[in-house]
Amino acid sequence: MFQTLIQVALGGAIGASLRYLTNVGTMRWIGPGFPYATVIVNVTGSFLMGVLVVVLSRKGGTGYSPFLMTGVLGGFTTFSAFSLDTLTLWERGQHGLAVTYVGVSVILSLAAIVAGLAVARALA
């Protein structure tokens, strides 16, 4: 149990660091106004989750799930940030943008996990 907890904690530190770097890079590249970085990490994380589900199960690597899926991807994806970004847009009176953000994030994240599963299954 303790070993698994360490794997999750280390993976979470890596994932959170990658999310932070994505936020900084996206802000510098695109600028403020819309939470692009949150969309990027949630869609990318969903795609990678789809890939990992297939690859780890087919290659007998489910022992890496706590580190990779719970830790790295759990630290990388940002549902709590997504919720805050949505509420911030709503409270600013940008209701249409808030609704668009929710729709785009959910639809693209679901599409990404389906794509990740399909890519991994096709390559395996």
Protein backbone atom coordinates (compact mmCIF):
# COMPACT_ATOMS: atom_id res chain seq x y z
CA MET A 1 0.00 0.00 0.00
CA PHE A 2 2.75 2.46 0.93
CA GLN A 3 4.63 1.70 -2.28
CA THR A 4 1.51 2.41 -4.32
CA LEU A 5 0.98 5.67 -2.43
CA ILE A 6 4.54 6.74 -3.28
CA GLN A 7 3.92 5.93 -6.96
CA VAL A 8 0.76 8.05 -6.98
CA ALA A 9 2.49 10.92 -5.17
CA LEU A 10 5.49 10.94 -7.53
CA GLY A 11 3.26 10.68 -10.58
CA GLY A 12 1.07 13.48 -9.23
CA ALA A 13 4.09 15.74 -8.79
CA ILE A 14 5.12 15.10 -12.39
CA GLY A 15 1.60 15.62 -13.72
CA ALA A 16 1.06 18.82 -11.75
CA SER A 17 4.40 20.18 -12.94
CA LEU A 18 3.50 19.40 -16.54
CA ARG A 19 0.15 21.13 -16.07
CA TYR A 20 1.88 24.21 -14.64
CA LEU A 21 4.30 24.33 -17.57
CA THR A 22 1.39 23.96 -19.99
CA ASN A 23 -0.40 26.85 -18.28
CA VAL A 24 2.66 29.10 -18.44
CA GLY A 25 3.49 28.18 -22.03
CA THR A 26 -0.08 28.62 -23.22
CA MET A 27 -0.41 31.99 -21.50
CA ARG A 28 2.78 33.18 -23.18
CA TRP A 29 1.81 31.74 -26.55
CA ILE A 30 -1.90 32.64 -26.73
CA GLY A 31 -2.49 35.05 -23.86
CA PRO A 32 -5.33 35.40 -21.34
CA GLY A 33 -9.05 35.63 -21.95
CA PHE A 34 -10.01 31.99 -22.44
CA PRO A 35 -8.75 29.00 -20.42
CA TYR A 36 -7.03 27.33 -23.37
CA ALA A 37 -4.47 25.57 -21.16
CA THR A 38 -7.19 23.77 -19.21
CA VAL A 39 -8.79 22.57 -22.43
CA ILE A 40 -5.39 21.43 -23.71
CA VAL A 41 -4.52 19.41 -20.60
CA ASN A 42 -7.99 17.87 -20.26
CA VAL A 43 -8.16 16.80 -23.91
CA THR A 44 -4.55 15.58 -23.95
CA GLY A 45 -5.03 13.79 -20.64
CA SER A 46 -8.19 12.12 -21.92
CA PHE A 47 -6.40 10.94 -25.06
CA LEU A 48 -3.48 9.57 -23.04
CA MET A 49 -5.87 7.87 -20.61
CA GLY A 50 -7.46 6.07 -23.55
CA VAL A 51 -4.07 4.98 -24.85
CA LEU A 52 -2.87 3.82 -21.43
CA VAL A 53 -6.00 1.77 -20.71
CA VAL A 54 -5.36 -0.31 -23.81
CA VAL A 55 -1.56 -0.46 -23.69
CA LEU A 56 -1.29 -1.31 -19.98
CA SER A 57 -3.99 -3.96 -20.13
CA ARG A 58 -2.58 -5.62 -23.27
CA LYS A 59 1.05 -5.50 -22.16
CA GLY A 60 0.42 -6.65 -18.60
CA GLY A 61 1.42 -3.28 -17.26
CA THR A 62 -1.53 -2.58 -14.99
CA GLY A 63 0.95 -2.31 -12.11
CA TYR A 64 1.97 1.05 -13.61
CA SER A 65 -1.61 2.36 -13.40
CA PRO A 66 -1.23 4.04 -10.00
CA PHE A 67 1.81 5.99 -11.18
CA LEU A 68 0.70 6.80 -14.73
CA MET A 69 -3.08 7.02 -14.60
CA THR A 70 -3.86 8.10 -11.04
CA GLY A 71 -0.65 10.02 -10.46
CA VAL A 72 0.63 11.58 -13.67
CA LEU A 73 -2.69 11.99 -15.49
CA GLY A 74 -4.60 12.76 -12.29
CA GLY A 75 -2.11 15.53 -11.53
CA PHE A 76 -2.05 16.72 -15.13
CA THR A 77 -5.75 16.99 -15.88
CA THR A 78 -7.63 19.74 -14.20
CA PHE A 79 -11.29 19.21 -13.50
CA SER A 80 -11.17 21.51 -10.49
CA ALA A 81 -9.49 24.19 -12.60
CA PHE A 82 -12.08 23.57 -15.31
CA SER A 83 -14.84 24.18 -12.76
CA LEU A 84 -13.21 27.37 -11.50
CA ASP A 85 -12.59 28.66 -15.03
CA THR A 86 -16.23 28.03 -15.92
CA LEU A 87 -17.50 29.82 -12.84
CA THR A 88 -15.12 32.75 -13.40
CA LEU A 89 -16.35 33.22 -16.96
CA TRP A 90 -19.96 32.98 -15.75
CA GLU A 91 -19.44 35.50 -12.94
CA ARG A 92 -17.81 37.93 -15.39
CA GLY A 93 -21.06 37.86 -17.31
CA GLN A 94 -19.53 35.88 -20.17
CA HIS A 95 -22.32 33.30 -20.12
CA GLY A 96 -22.03 32.29 -23.75
CA LEU A 97 -18.29 31.81 -23.43
CA ALA A 98 -18.77 29.77 -20.24
CA VAL A 99 -21.28 27.47 -21.94
CA THR A 100 -19.02 27.18 -25.00
CA TYR A 101 -16.08 26.32 -22.76
CA VAL A 102 -18.03 23.55 -21.02
CA GLY A 103 -19.28 22.14 -24.33
CA VAL A 104 -15.90 22.26 -26.04
CA SER A 105 -14.08 20.78 -23.05
CA VAL A 106 -16.50 17.91 -22.52
CA ILE A 107 -16.96 17.02 -26.19
CA LEU A 108 -13.25 17.24 -27.06
CA SER A 109 -12.22 15.29 -23.95
CA LEU A 110 -14.69 12.50 -24.73
CA ALA A 111 -13.58 12.48 -28.37
CA ALA A 112 -9.95 12.36 -27.24
CA ILE A 113 -10.42 9.33 -25.03
CA VAL A 114 -12.24 7.54 -27.86
CA ALA A 115 -9.39 8.48 -30.21
CA GLY A 116 -6.79 7.31 -27.71
CA LEU A 117 -8.50 3.95 -27.36
CA ALA A 118 -8.79 3.60 -31.14
CA VAL A 119 -5.17 4.53 -31.80
CA ALA A 120 -3.84 2.19 -29.14
CA ARG A 121 -6.06 -0.68 -30.29
CA ALA A 122 -5.01 -0.18 -33.92
CA LEU A 123 -1.32 -0.17 -33.03
CA ALA A 124 -1.45 -3.12 -30.62
